[in-house]
């Protein structure tokens, strides 16, 4: 299936798991092109965690916000929280005219 894919991979690491969110583009022939990614952690294998996320695909601008936090009782503050914001600003197959603006101010 071609299109934009938002995903999180879990990778084994010394001391736990690495949480690896990424955004990729999958072409019609099935080839995957990685656009942007991150690696967070390691998170101890003994910890349960929650994932909050928001994915935005505006056609050419892509964003994935993810928060990983240790789960616990609702009255307890988590021991750890990991956050990332992945962005890819592209013009892939875009027909819109491009404009760049520069601004400055003098004291």
Protein backbone atom coordinates (compact mmCIF):
# COMPACT_ATOMS: atom_id res chain seq x y z
CA UNK A 1 0.00 0.00 0.00
CA UNK A 2 1.60 3.28 -1.08
CA UNK A 3 1.46 6.56 0.80
CA UNK A 4 2.81 8.16 3.95
CA UNK A 5 3.38 5.82 6.89
CA UNK A 6 3.76 6.83 10.54
CA UNK A 7 5.20 4.07 12.77
CA UNK A 8 7.10 3.24 15.95
CA UNK A 9 9.66 0.42 16.02
CA UNK A 10 10.90 -1.15 19.23
CA UNK A 11 14.58 -2.12 19.21
CA UNK A 12 16.50 -4.08 21.82
CA UNK A 13 19.27 -2.12 23.54
CA UNK A 14 21.49 -2.50 26.58
CA UNK A 15 19.27 -1.80 29.57
CA UNK A 16 15.92 -2.00 27.79
CA UNK A 17 14.13 -0.94 24.61
CA UNK A 18 14.75 1.94 22.24
CA UNK A 19 11.53 3.56 21.06
CA UNK A 20 12.05 4.57 17.42
CA UNK A 21 9.26 6.63 15.81
CA UNK A 22 9.61 7.45 12.12
CA UNK A 23 7.83 8.77 9.05
CA UNK A 24 8.33 7.09 5.69
CA UNK A 25 6.98 7.29 2.17
CA UNK A 26 6.00 4.01 0.52
CA UNK A 27 6.07 4.14 -3.29
CA UNK A 28 3.69 2.29 -5.63
CA UNK A 29 6.32 -0.41 -6.25
CA UNK A 30 6.53 -1.08 -2.48
CA UNK A 31 9.89 0.65 -1.96
CA UNK A 32 10.05 2.49 1.36
CA UNK A 33 11.82 5.84 1.59
CA UNK A 34 12.62 6.96 5.14
CA UNK A 35 11.94 10.67 5.64
CA UNK A 36 12.69 11.34 9.31
CA UNK A 37 13.09 9.32 12.53
CA UNK A 38 14.30 9.37 16.11
CA UNK A 39 15.47 6.93 18.80
CA UNK A 40 14.43 7.48 22.43
CA UNK A 41 15.44 5.56 25.51
CA UNK A 42 16.38 3.00 26.54
CA UNK A 43 13.23 2.23 28.48
CA UNK A 44 13.61 -0.53 31.10
CA UNK A 45 11.92 -3.79 30.10
CA UNK A 46 10.21 -3.91 33.49
CA UNK A 47 8.35 -0.62 32.91
CA UNK A 48 4.90 -0.35 31.37
CA UNK A 49 4.41 2.81 29.34
CA UNK A 50 1.70 4.78 27.56
CA UNK A 51 1.94 6.39 24.14
CA UNK A 52 0.17 9.62 23.19
CA UNK A 53 0.50 10.71 19.58
CA UNK A 54 -0.76 13.06 16.89
CA UNK A 55 -0.03 12.65 13.18
CA UNK A 56 -0.59 15.43 10.65
CA UNK A 57 -0.41 14.96 6.87
CA UNK A 58 -1.05 18.21 5.01
CA UNK A 59 -0.05 16.79 1.64
CA UNK A 60 3.48 18.13 1.67
CA UNK A 61 4.14 18.92 5.34
CA UNK A 62 4.20 15.92 7.69
CA UNK A 63 4.41 15.95 11.48
CA UNK A 64 4.36 13.24 14.14
CA UNK A 65 4.25 14.25 17.83
CA UNK A 66 4.77 11.41 20.30
CA UNK A 67 4.94 11.29 24.09
CA UNK A 68 6.01 8.09 25.85
CA UNK A 69 5.46 8.07 29.60
CA UNK A 70 5.74 5.51 32.31
CA UNK A 71 2.32 4.24 33.30
CA UNK A 72 1.30 4.02 36.89
CA UNK A 73 -1.58 4.90 39.10
CA UNK A 74 -3.35 8.08 38.01
CA UNK A 75 -2.35 9.77 41.27
CA UNK A 76 1.37 9.08 40.79
CA UNK A 77 3.71 11.23 38.77
CA UNK A 78 5.60 9.14 36.15
CA UNK A 79 9.33 8.58 36.76
CA UNK A 80 10.14 9.28 33.14
CA UNK A 81 8.64 10.95 30.08
CA UNK A 82 10.12 10.98 26.57
CA UNK A 83 8.93 13.36 23.85
CA UNK A 84 9.72 13.92 20.20
CA UNK A 85 8.32 15.95 17.32
CA UNK A 86 9.23 14.66 13.87
CA UNK A 87 8.69 17.02 10.93
CA UNK A 88 9.33 16.71 7.24
CA UNK A 89 8.60 19.68 5.00
CA UNK A 90 8.51 18.40 1.43
CA UNK A 91 7.48 19.51 -2.03
CA UNK A 92 7.08 15.98 -3.36
CA UNK A 93 4.92 16.16 -6.52
CA UNK A 94 3.66 19.57 -5.50
CA UNK A 95 2.37 21.93 -8.18
CA UNK A 96 1.96 25.00 -5.97
CA UNK A 97 4.26 27.97 -6.65
CA UNK A 98 7.04 28.34 -4.08
CA UNK A 99 7.80 31.53 -2.20
CA UNK A 100 10.48 32.29 0.36
CA UNK A 101 10.31 35.34 2.62
CA UNK A 102 13.20 36.78 4.59
CA UNK A 103 12.70 39.34 7.33
CA UNK A 104 14.94 41.20 9.69
CA UNK A 105 14.76 44.07 12.12
CA UNK A 106 17.40 46.52 13.24
CA UNK A 107 17.64 47.79 16.83
